[in-house]
Protein backbone atom coordinates (compact mmCIF):
# COMPACT_ATOMS: atom_id res chain seq x y z
CA UNK A 1 -38.94 -6.26 -41.48
CA UNK A 2 -41.46 -8.20 -38.48
CA UNK A 3 -38.30 -7.52 -36.09
CA UNK A 4 -37.71 -4.00 -36.55
CA UNK A 5 -41.85 -3.35 -36.71
CA UNK A 6 -41.43 -4.65 -33.01
CA UNK A 7 -38.93 -3.00 -32.01
CA UNK A 8 -39.80 0.41 -33.33
CA UNK A 9 -43.41 -0.38 -31.59
CA UNK A 10 -42.26 -0.62 -28.54
CA UNK A 11 -39.77 2.30 -28.41
CA UNK A 12 -43.14 4.33 -29.34
CA UNK A 13 -45.05 2.44 -26.64
CA UNK A 14 -42.45 3.63 -24.39
CA UNK A 15 -42.58 7.19 -25.31
CA UNK A 16 -45.70 6.92 -25.03
CA UNK A 17 -45.90 5.53 -21.45
CA UNK A 18 -43.51 8.00 -20.06
CA UNK A 19 -45.53 11.17 -22.38
CA UNK A 20 -48.11 10.53 -20.03
CA UNK A 21 -46.33 11.70 -16.99
CA UNK A 22 -43.65 14.29 -18.00
CA UNK A 23 -41.95 15.70 -21.12
CA UNK A 24 -39.96 13.43 -23.04
CA UNK A 25 -37.72 15.73 -24.42
CA UNK A 26 -37.14 17.43 -20.93
CA UNK A 27 -36.58 13.48 -19.55
CA UNK A 28 -34.15 12.71 -22.60
CA UNK A 29 -32.48 15.86 -23.25
CA UNK A 30 -29.11 16.45 -24.70
CA UNK A 31 -26.30 19.04 -23.35
CA UNK A 32 -23.97 19.41 -25.57
CA UNK A 33 -20.88 21.70 -25.50
CA UNK A 34 -20.82 25.12 -27.02
CA UNK A 35 -17.60 27.19 -27.47
CA UNK A 36 -18.11 31.01 -26.18
CA UNK A 37 -15.30 33.43 -26.37
CA UNK A 38 -15.69 35.83 -23.59
CA UNK A 39 -13.58 39.47 -23.65
CA UNK A 40 -12.49 39.32 -20.57
CA UNK A 41 -8.73 39.81 -19.23
CA UNK A 42 -9.30 38.73 -15.61
CA UNK A 43 -10.75 35.57 -17.01
CA UNK A 44 -8.55 34.70 -19.60
CA UNK A 45 -5.19 35.29 -17.39
CA UNK A 46 -6.87 33.27 -14.48
CA UNK A 47 -7.12 30.53 -16.58
CA UNK A 48 -3.69 30.95 -18.15
CA UNK A 49 -2.29 31.02 -14.93
CA UNK A 50 -3.96 27.94 -14.02
CA UNK A 51 -2.74 25.95 -17.13
CA UNK A 52 0.57 27.14 -16.47
CA UNK A 53 0.85 25.61 -12.41
CA UNK A 54 -0.27 22.68 -13.61
CA UNK A 55 2.02 22.23 -16.46
CA UNK A 56 4.73 23.15 -13.34
CA UNK A 57 3.34 20.76 -11.51
CA UNK A 58 3.92 17.79 -13.44
CA UNK A 59 6.53 18.70 -15.45
CA UNK A 60 8.54 19.47 -11.62
CA UNK A 61 6.82 16.74 -9.36
CA UNK A 62 5.66 13.78 -11.05
CA UNK A 63 8.13 13.70 -13.76
CA UNK A 64 11.46 15.24 -11.57
CA UNK A 65 10.54 14.59 -7.84
CA UNK A 66 9.08 11.42 -8.89
CA UNK A 67 11.02 10.30 -11.86
CA UNK A 68 7.90 9.91 -14.16
CA UNK A 69 10.06 9.11 -17.16
CA UNK A 70 11.30 5.75 -15.25
CA UNK A 71 9.64 2.40 -14.81
CA UNK A 72 10.13 0.94 -11.51
CA UNK A 73 10.10 -2.34 -9.77
CA UNK A 74 9.55 -3.01 -6.41
CA UNK A 75 11.75 -6.02 -5.13
CA UNK A 76 12.92 -8.05 -1.98
CA UNK A 77 16.10 -9.54 -1.66
CA UNK A 78 17.94 -11.82 0.92
CA UNK A 79 21.12 -11.69 3.72
CA UNK A 80 23.55 -14.10 3.73
CA UNK A 81 25.37 -13.74 7.59
CA UNK A 82 28.17 -15.18 9.46
CA UNK A 83 29.55 -14.95 13.30
CA UNK A 84 32.50 -15.59 14.41
CA UNK A 85 34.22 -15.14 17.83
CA UNK A 86 33.92 -16.61 21.24
CA UNK A 87 33.60 -15.25 25.49
CA UNK A 88 35.03 -16.43 28.90
CA UNK A 89 33.09 -15.37 31.52
CA UNK A 90 32.93 -15.78 35.71
CA UNK A 91 29.68 -16.10 37.29
CA UNK A 92 28.26 -13.19 39.69
CA UNK A 93 26.50 -15.36 41.45
CA UNK A 94 27.42 -19.40 41.95
CA UNK A 95 31.27 -19.29 41.33
CA UNK A 96 32.02 -21.03 38.07
CA UNK A 97 34.02 -19.70 35.30
CA UNK A 98 33.08 -21.01 31.69
CA UNK A 99 34.08 -20.57 27.79
CA UNK A 100 31.35 -19.75 25.27
CA UNK A 101 31.89 -20.66 21.61
CA UNK A 102 30.17 -19.24 18.87
CA UNK A 103 28.04 -22.05 18.74
CA UNK A 104 26.77 -20.98 22.39
CA UNK A 105 26.67 -17.34 21.66
CA UNK A 106 24.55 -17.77 18.96
CA UNK A 107 21.96 -21.05 19.84
CA UNK A 108 19.69 -21.37 18.42
CA UNK A 109 20.12 -20.48 15.04
CA UNK A 110 16.44 -19.48 14.88
CA UNK A 111 16.26 -18.29 10.69
CA UNK A 112 18.65 -18.07 7.82
CA UNK A 113 20.34 -15.25 7.54
CA UNK A 114 18.91 -13.84 11.36
CA UNK A 115 20.86 -13.49 14.26
CA UNK A 116 20.69 -14.23 18.04
CA UNK A 117 23.43 -12.95 20.17
CA UNK A 118 23.69 -14.01 24.10
CA UNK A 119 24.70 -11.03 26.46
CA UNK A 120 23.25 -12.64 29.75
CA UNK A 121 23.09 -16.33 30.73
CA UNK A 122 21.95 -17.50 34.00
CA UNK A 123 22.23 -21.86 34.47
CA UNK A 124 19.84 -23.38 37.67
CA UNK A 125 21.28 -27.20 38.35
CA UNK A 126 18.16 -29.18 38.52
CA UNK A 127 16.77 -32.56 39.38
CA UNK A 128 13.84 -33.89 39.65
CA UNK A 129 11.61 -33.89 42.61
CA UNK A 130 9.26 -32.04 45.28
CA UNK A 131 9.58 -28.82 46.25
CA UNK A 132 7.91 -25.41 45.72
CA UNK A 133 7.34 -24.17 42.26
CA UNK A 134 8.21 -20.16 42.47
CA UNK A 135 6.32 -20.20 38.90
CA UNK A 136 3.26 -21.99 41.12
CA UNK A 137 1.23 -19.31 43.22
CA UNK A 138 -1.90 -20.67 44.94
CA UNK A 139 -4.17 -19.89 47.53
CA UNK A 140 -5.26 -23.59 48.43
CA UNK A 141 -3.81 -27.17 47.09
CA UNK A 142 -7.32 -26.76 44.74
CA UNK A 143 -4.49 -24.35 43.02
CA UNK A 144 -1.89 -27.41 42.72
CA UNK A 145 -1.77 -30.02 40.19
CA UNK A 146 -3.72 -32.96 40.98
CA UNK A 147 -1.53 -35.35 39.52
CA UNK A 148 1.70 -34.21 41.38
CA UNK A 149 0.39 -34.86 44.76
CA UNK A 150 0.68 -30.54 44.80
CA UNK A 151 -0.06 -28.31 48.39
CA UNK A 152 0.13 -25.37 48.71
CA UNK A 153 2.62 -24.19 51.34
CA UNK A 154 2.63 -21.03 53.84
CA UNK A 155 4.65 -18.93 51.35
CA UNK A 156 1.78 -19.20 48.89
CA UNK A 157 3.52 -21.59 46.38
CA UNK A 158 2.70 -25.35 45.29
CA UNK A 159 4.96 -27.81 46.22
CA UNK A 160 4.57 -30.47 44.00
CA UNK A 161 6.68 -32.78 41.43
CA UNK A 162 8.72 -30.51 39.42
CA UNK A 163 12.47 -30.35 38.73
CA UNK A 164 14.16 -28.52 41.96
CA UNK A 165 17.12 -26.43 41.92
CA UNK A 166 20.48 -28.29 44.05
CA UNK A 167 22.75 -25.40 44.49
CA UNK A 168 20.69 -21.48 46.40
CA UNK A 169 22.22 -19.84 43.62
CA UNK A 170 22.37 -19.84 39.68
CA UNK A 171 25.41 -19.11 37.70
CA UNK A 172 25.09 -15.89 36.24
CA UNK A 173 27.30 -15.16 33.22
CA UNK A 174 27.63 -11.54 31.76
CA UNK A 175 28.94 -11.95 28.10
CA UNK A 176 31.53 -9.73 26.55
CA UNK A 177 30.11 -9.97 23.46
CA UNK A 178 29.95 -6.75 22.08
CA UNK A 179 33.12 -7.81 19.92
CA UNK A 180 31.61 -10.52 18.37
CA UNK A 181 32.46 -9.73 14.98
CA UNK A 182 29.24 -10.31 12.28
CA UNK A 183 29.79 -10.72 8.39
CA UNK A 184 26.88 -9.97 6.08
CA UNK A 185 26.12 -9.82 2.26
CA UNK A 186 22.55 -8.92 0.39
CA UNK A 187 21.58 -9.71 -2.14
CA UNK A 188 19.00 -8.55 -4.69
CA UNK A 189 17.09 -9.57 -8.11
CA UNK A 190 14.71 -7.29 -10.34
CA UNK A 191 12.82 -10.16 -12.01
CA UNK A 192 10.84 -8.07 -14.25
CA UNK A 193 13.33 -4.87 -15.44
CA UNK A 194 16.46 -7.02 -15.37
CA UNK A 195 16.26 -10.83 -14.78
CA UNK A 196 19.68 -11.15 -16.13
CA UNK A 197 21.40 -9.72 -13.29
CA UNK A 198 21.50 -9.20 -9.32
CA UNK A 199 22.83 -6.68 -7.53
CA UNK A 200 25.03 -7.57 -3.84
CA UNK A 201 27.16 -4.92 -1.17
CA UNK A 202 30.16 -7.14 -1.84
CA UNK A 203 32.01 -4.04 -2.88
CA UNK A 204 29.97 -1.79 -0.68
CA UNK A 205 31.52 0.92 1.45
CA UNK A 206 28.63 1.78 3.20
CA UNK A 207 27.40 -1.40 5.48
CA UNK A 208 30.49 -1.52 7.86
CA UNK A 209 31.67 1.59 9.71
CA UNK A 210 34.86 0.40 8.34
CA UNK A 211 35.16 -0.41 4.20
CA UNK A 212 33.99 -4.15 3.80
CA UNK A 213 30.80 -6.40 4.95
CA UNK A 214 32.17 -7.16 8.64
CA UNK A 215 31.36 -4.91 12.06
CA UNK A 216 31.09 -6.09 15.61
CA UNK A 217 28.07 -6.04 17.47
CA UNK A 218 29.04 -2.81 19.38
CA UNK A 219 29.83 -0.93 15.90
CA UNK A 220 26.39 -2.36 14.79
CA UNK A 221 24.31 -1.20 18.02
CA UNK A 222 26.15 2.51 17.66
CA UNK A 223 24.85 2.67 13.83
CA UNK A 224 21.02 2.69 15.04
CA UNK A 225 18.81 5.41 14.27
CA UNK A 226 17.48 7.55 15.47
CA UNK A 227 19.57 7.31 18.76
CA UNK A 228 22.84 5.27 18.47
CA UNK A 229 22.19 2.85 21.32
CA UNK A 230 25.67 1.44 23.36
CA UNK A 231 26.12 -2.40 24.41
CA UNK A 232 25.85 -1.78 28.10
CA UNK A 233 22.38 -0.27 27.86
CA UNK A 234 21.12 -3.61 26.34
CA UNK A 235 22.92 -6.40 27.61
CA UNK A 236 21.31 -6.89 30.54
CA UNK A 237 17.48 -7.58 29.25
CA UNK A 238 18.36 -7.92 25.33
CA UNK A 239 16.70 -5.79 22.47
CA UNK A 240 15.54 -6.53 18.97
CA UNK A 241 17.29 -5.28 16.21
CA UNK A 242 16.53 -4.60 12.54
CA UNK A 243 19.07 -4.00 9.76
CA UNK A 244 17.66 -3.21 6.80
CA UNK A 245 19.99 -2.80 3.46
CA UNK A 246 17.63 -0.97 1.10
CA UNK A 247 18.82 -0.66 -2.84
CA UNK A 248 17.80 1.95 -5.14
CA UNK A 249 19.21 0.91 -8.60
CA UNK A 250 19.39 1.76 -12.02
CA UNK A 251 19.65 -1.36 -13.51
CA UNK A 252 21.22 -0.16 -16.89
CA UNK A 253 24.24 -0.07 -14.64
CA UNK A 254 27.04 -2.68 -13.27
CA UNK A 255 26.53 -2.24 -9.47
CA UNK A 256 24.64 -0.78 -7.18
CA UNK A 257 25.57 -0.03 -3.56
CA UNK A 258 22.66 -0.57 -0.60
CA UNK A 259 21.72 2.03 2.19
CA UNK A 260 22.16 0.58 5.33
CA UNK A 261 19.59 1.29 7.89
CA UNK A 262 19.24 -0.03 11.69
CA UNK A 263 16.77 0.15 14.67
CA UNK A 264 15.39 -0.80 17.36
CA UNK A 265 11.78 -2.39 16.98
CA UNK A 266 11.58 -4.21 20.62
CA UNK A 267 10.52 -0.48 22.03
CA UNK A 268 8.09 0.04 19.35
CA UNK A 269 6.03 -3.21 19.29
CA UNK A 270 6.21 -3.78 23.12
CA UNK A 271 6.98 -0.71 25.29
CA UNK A 272 6.13 -2.62 28.25
CA UNK A 273 8.01 -5.81 27.91
CA UNK A 274 11.46 -4.51 26.22
CA UNK A 275 14.38 -7.16 25.46
CA UNK A 276 14.48 -10.27 24.34
CA UNK A 277 14.70 -13.71 26.10
CA UNK A 278 13.74 -17.42 26.10
CA UNK A 279 15.01 -20.62 28.09
CA UNK A 280 16.26 -23.82 26.63
CA UNK A 281 17.33 -27.05 28.86
CA UNK A 282 20.58 -28.81 28.63
CA UNK A 283 19.48 -32.56 29.93
CA UNK A 284 22.36 -34.48 31.64
CA UNK A 285 21.02 -37.97 32.47
CA UNK A 286 17.03 -38.71 32.91
CA UNK A 287 16.97 -37.10 37.04
CA UNK A 288 19.64 -33.92 36.24
CA UNK A 289 19.53 -31.12 33.55
CA UNK A 290 20.89 -27.51 33.67
CA UNK A 291 17.74 -24.81 32.29
CA UNK A 292 19.19 -22.00 30.84
CA UNK A 293 17.79 -18.17 30.81
CA UNK A 294 19.45 -16.62 27.80
CA UNK A 295 18.65 -12.88 26.99
CA UNK A 296 20.84 -11.04 24.36
CA UNK A 297 21.21 -9.53 20.52
CA UNK A 298 17.92 -10.70 18.29
CA UNK A 299 18.84 -9.27 14.69
CA UNK A 300 16.58 -9.33 11.89
CA UNK A 301 18.00 -8.92 8.33
CA UNK A 302 15.72 -7.41 5.66
CA UNK A 303 17.06 -6.44 2.25
CA UNK A 304 14.62 -4.45 0.07
CA UNK A 305 15.00 -2.59 -2.93
CA UNK A 306 13.32 -0.10 -6.46
CA UNK A 307 15.06 -1.17 -9.71
CA UNK A 308 14.65 1.59 -12.12
CA UNK A 309 14.99 2.15 -15.95
CA UNK A 310 14.48 4.99 -18.46
CA UNK A 311 11.23 3.64 -20.34
CA UNK A 312 9.01 5.70 -22.88
CA UNK A 313 5.72 4.24 -22.21
CA UNK A 314 6.77 5.49 -18.74
CA UNK A 315 6.88 8.59 -20.20
CA UNK A 316 3.45 8.49 -22.31
CA UNK A 317 1.48 7.08 -19.65
CA UNK A 318 2.28 9.09 -16.88
CA UNK A 319 2.00 12.56 -19.58
CA UNK A 320 -1.37 11.46 -20.92
CA UNK A 321 -3.08 11.11 -17.40
CA UNK A 322 -1.25 13.84 -15.86
CA UNK A 323 -2.06 15.70 -18.48
CA UNK A 324 -5.98 15.19 -17.76
CA UNK A 325 -5.16 17.65 -14.68
CA UNK A 326 -5.22 20.13 -17.20
CA UNK A 327 -9.13 20.35 -17.78
CA UNK A 328 -8.94 21.87 -13.80
CA UNK A 329 -8.06 25.40 -15.64
CA UNK A 330 -11.42 24.68 -17.52
CA UNK A 331 -13.71 24.52 -14.40
CA UNK A 332 -12.28 26.85 -12.30
CA UNK A 333 -12.54 29.71 -15.21
CA UNK A 334 -16.30 28.71 -15.40
CA UNK A 335 -16.80 28.32 -11.56
CA UNK A 336 -15.59 32.15 -11.39
CA UNK A 337 -17.14 33.02 -14.94
CA UNK A 338 -20.63 32.15 -13.54
CA UNK A 339 -20.74 32.09 -9.75
CA UNK A 340 -18.20 34.60 -8.83
CA UNK A 341 -17.89 37.73 -11.68
CA UNK A 342 -19.70 40.74 -11.22
CA UNK A 343 -21.55 40.29 -14.93
CA UNK A 344 -21.56 36.76 -14.24
CA UNK A 345 -25.89 36.93 -14.91
CA UNK A 346 -24.64 37.83 -18.68
CA UNK A 347 -22.00 35.29 -18.87
CA UNK A 348 -24.54 33.01 -17.80
CA UNK A 349 -26.86 33.96 -20.70
CA UNK A 350 -24.02 33.93 -23.18
CA UNK A 351 -23.17 30.55 -21.82
CA UNK A 352 -25.93 28.47 -21.73
CA UNK A 353 -28.62 28.44 -24.29
CA UNK A 354 -31.94 26.21 -24.52
CA UNK A 355 -33.40 25.33 -27.52
CA UNK A 356 -36.94 25.66 -28.00
CA UNK A 357 -38.96 21.89 -27.99
CA UNK A 358 -38.11 20.79 -31.96
CA UNK A 359 -40.09 17.35 -31.47
CA UNK A 360 -43.45 19.74 -30.67
CA UNK A 361 -42.19 21.81 -33.79
CA UNK A 362 -41.76 18.70 -35.91
CA UNK A 363 -45.57 17.40 -35.14
CA UNK A 364 -47.19 20.88 -36.11
CA UNK A 365 -45.26 20.85 -39.13
CA UNK A 366 -46.01 17.31 -40.21
CA UNK A 367 -49.93 18.16 -39.34
CA UNK A 368 -49.10 21.33 -41.60
CA UNK A 369 -48.12 18.92 -44.53
CA UNK A 370 -50.48 16.55 -44.45
CA UNK A 371 -53.22 19.25 -44.50
CA UNK A 372 -52.16 20.62 -47.18
CA UNK A 373 -54.38 19.81 -50.32
CA UNK A 374 -52.02 17.76 -53.21
CA UNK A 375 -51.85 18.33 -56.57
CA UNK A 376 -53.12 15.52 -57.46
CA UNK A 377 -56.42 16.04 -55.52
CA UNK A 378 -57.20 18.80 -57.01
CA UNK A 379 -56.91 17.48 -60.50
CA UNK A 380 -59.54 15.31 -59.38
CA UNK A 381 -61.75 17.18 -57.61
CA UNK A 382 -61.14 19.61 -60.97
CA UNK A 383 -62.43 16.45 -63.03
CA UNK A 384 -64.98 15.87 -61.07
CA UNK A 385 -66.11 19.40 -61.51
CA UNK A 386 -65.99 18.98 -65.47
CA UNK A 387 -67.70 15.65 -65.66
CA UNK A 388 -70.22 17.15 -63.59
CA UNK A 389 -70.25 19.91 -65.94
CA UNK A 390 -70.70 17.80 -68.88
CA UNK A 391 -73.23 15.59 -67.80
CA UNK A 392 -75.51 19.08 -67.11
CA UNK A 393 -74.79 20.14 -70.39
CA UNK A 394 -75.70 17.33 -71.85
CA UNK A 395 -78.60 16.76 -70.02
CA UNK A 396 -79.56 20.61 -70.96
CA UNK A 397 -79.50 19.65 -74.87
CA UNK A 398 -81.73 16.89 -74.33
CA UNK A 399 -84.39 18.86 -72.81
CA UNK A 400 -84.32 21.28 -75.69
């Protein structure tokens, strides 16, 4: 009882403090919905048309176009690749001829599943010595390396200890690698929807121009979108190509074919520095080496997909969340009712109703109740009158 009394006293104290500045009933007023039937065909037809439009949107867009009746899972897969072929090339610089095996053409193996195909290779025969370094421009001797006793020559290059070219011209090889063949096989798994199934493109007819998983470099370049690429266009500077395998699988089926998308990405990432190149040395002995400048095609293989499965839970979830849009029809109809229609003032008077202050009425009623004379009090007063009369009669009789 003590705790209840304390809480009740605190509550009444809070209301009394607020009531000193503003009417408590207005501050803590409560709004409830009142159902009013307006006999207006335009208003009713507007609400019905909006509800029908929303229902059509839910069915056509959410359930049919967006496949809201399906449970979906995004996933990433992997690609296994194999490259085979070779090339023989004549140097257009220092006269030489060279055979390139597939290991030479695809060096280095940078990542699993990704491939590099060389299209142009420049070979510099070098030895240790002191010579002008074309990669070290200078204005004075202080711009050169102090450890190599470098000095700035008249050509504006540092002469210092470096790898010096033995021959006047390097060996320049243009590789006919457009007929190099690439075998690719992609696969993907949806661990949530179908943990026991593995979908792959082993039997797919959409991977290469010919049925199967093998295609040449030229064929792959001609599959680029939005514009096919000729091998001769990228043989000089190289290029970076992304090959994507996109799966959209019904996980209840046993087979799913990927959609292949090929595009060039080096022109997107850095339009001012297109192509792909790198350098790597081959050491003959401690004082001699071959410096290789290689350009070519860098292929990135990617696999991604969406798994789909018919689901009652997805239907219930999308239907319940989408049905809340039907309340939008009520909102629009109320706005037209209270702000647009010609008889909006009359509609407002019918729609909104403000009740009297019931708390003040209750206080008045309580005060009136307390002011009423109770039956017990009347009996007491009557008894007092009777006692006083009896006493007066007794006194009167004694005097007479």
